């Protein structure tokens, strides 16, 4: 099973990607969603939590490879991945 990395701060994404495997899931939450903007998003598949994207006015600025997910999708990612690692 692959890992799920939860990134809740923009600066933590670099550290996360330094150790995350290519097939691990990376979910951007809280202020971490700023890293999903097309100008700065790393070139790898990312997930971003919809409520945090909307709260920060980023819906129209996301990179094409970022998949926006609902809270229910978040739960599905948690169920499908082990371990779950939180980056702050």
Protein backbone atom coordinates (compact mmCIF):
# COMPACT_ATOMS: atom_id res chain seq x y z
CA UNK A 1 0.00 0.00 0.00
CA UNK A 2 1.28 3.48 -0.80
CA UNK A 3 1.53 6.34 1.65
CA UNK A 4 -0.72 9.38 1.91
CA UNK A 5 1.14 12.60 2.68
CA UNK A 6 -0.92 15.45 4.17
CA UNK A 7 0.73 18.83 3.62
CA UNK A 8 -0.85 21.70 5.53
CA UNK A 9 1.84 24.34 5.07
CA UNK A 10 3.31 25.50 1.77
CA UNK A 11 6.91 25.34 3.01
CA UNK A 12 6.49 21.68 4.05
CA UNK A 13 5.86 20.43 0.51
CA UNK A 14 9.55 20.51 -0.42
CA UNK A 15 10.45 18.28 2.54
CA UNK A 16 7.55 15.95 1.74
CA UNK A 17 8.55 15.53 -1.90
CA UNK A 18 12.14 14.82 -0.92
CA UNK A 19 11.03 11.52 0.67
CA UNK A 20 7.69 10.68 -0.98
CA UNK A 21 7.72 7.81 -3.46
CA UNK A 22 6.47 8.53 -6.99
CA UNK A 23 3.30 6.50 -6.39
CA UNK A 24 2.50 8.03 -2.98
CA UNK A 25 -0.51 10.35 -2.79
CA UNK A 26 0.11 13.96 -1.74
CA UNK A 27 -2.91 15.89 -0.43
CA UNK A 28 -2.60 19.64 0.07
CA UNK A 29 -4.78 20.98 2.89
CA UNK A 30 -5.13 24.28 4.76
CA UNK A 31 -2.35 26.68 3.63
CA UNK A 32 -0.66 23.86 1.75
CA UNK A 33 -3.12 24.42 -1.12
CA UNK A 34 -1.17 27.52 -2.13
CA UNK A 35 1.38 25.11 -3.63
CA UNK A 36 -1.28 23.91 -6.11
CA UNK A 37 -1.20 27.19 -8.03
CA UNK A 38 -0.12 26.69 -11.64
CA UNK A 39 2.79 29.12 -11.24
CA UNK A 40 4.48 27.06 -8.51
CA UNK A 41 2.98 23.55 -8.37
CA UNK A 42 5.59 20.80 -8.68
CA UNK A 43 5.30 18.56 -11.74
CA UNK A 44 3.66 15.56 -10.09
CA UNK A 45 0.08 14.54 -9.38
CA UNK A 46 -1.35 16.33 -6.35
CA UNK A 47 -4.67 16.44 -4.56
CA UNK A 48 -6.06 19.64 -3.00
CA UNK A 49 -8.97 19.86 -0.57
CA UNK A 50 -11.85 21.80 -2.16
CA UNK A 51 -12.91 23.78 0.93
CA UNK A 52 -9.36 25.05 1.43
CA UNK A 53 -8.94 25.89 -2.27
CA UNK A 54 -12.21 27.82 -2.22
CA UNK A 55 -11.46 29.61 1.04
CA UNK A 56 -8.21 30.92 -0.43
CA UNK A 57 -9.68 31.93 -3.80
CA UNK A 58 -7.49 29.54 -5.79
CA UNK A 59 -10.11 27.63 -7.80
CA UNK A 60 -9.19 29.34 -11.09
CA UNK A 61 -5.42 29.25 -10.49
CA UNK A 62 -4.72 25.54 -10.01
CA UNK A 63 -2.28 23.57 -12.13
CA UNK A 64 -3.85 21.09 -14.54
CA UNK A 65 -2.40 18.07 -12.72
CA UNK A 66 -4.01 19.01 -9.38
CA UNK A 67 -7.16 17.07 -8.55
CA UNK A 68 -9.56 18.88 -6.24
CA UNK A 69 -11.19 16.53 -3.72
CA UNK A 70 -14.11 16.74 -1.32
CA UNK A 71 -14.12 15.72 2.34
CA UNK A 72 -15.61 12.36 1.27
CA UNK A 73 -12.74 11.89 -1.21
CA UNK A 74 -10.31 12.74 1.61
CA UNK A 75 -11.79 9.90 3.67
CA UNK A 76 -11.41 7.58 0.67
CA UNK A 77 -7.73 8.50 0.35
CA UNK A 78 -7.20 7.77 4.05
CA UNK A 79 -8.86 4.36 3.72
CA UNK A 80 -6.82 3.49 0.60
CA UNK A 81 -3.36 4.45 1.90
CA UNK A 82 -1.00 3.40 4.69
CA UNK A 83 0.92 4.97 6.32
CA UNK A 84 -0.48 8.48 6.60
CA UNK A 85 2.18 11.12 7.15
CA UNK A 86 1.44 14.71 8.18
CA UNK A 87 3.84 17.48 7.16
CA UNK A 88 3.78 20.81 8.98
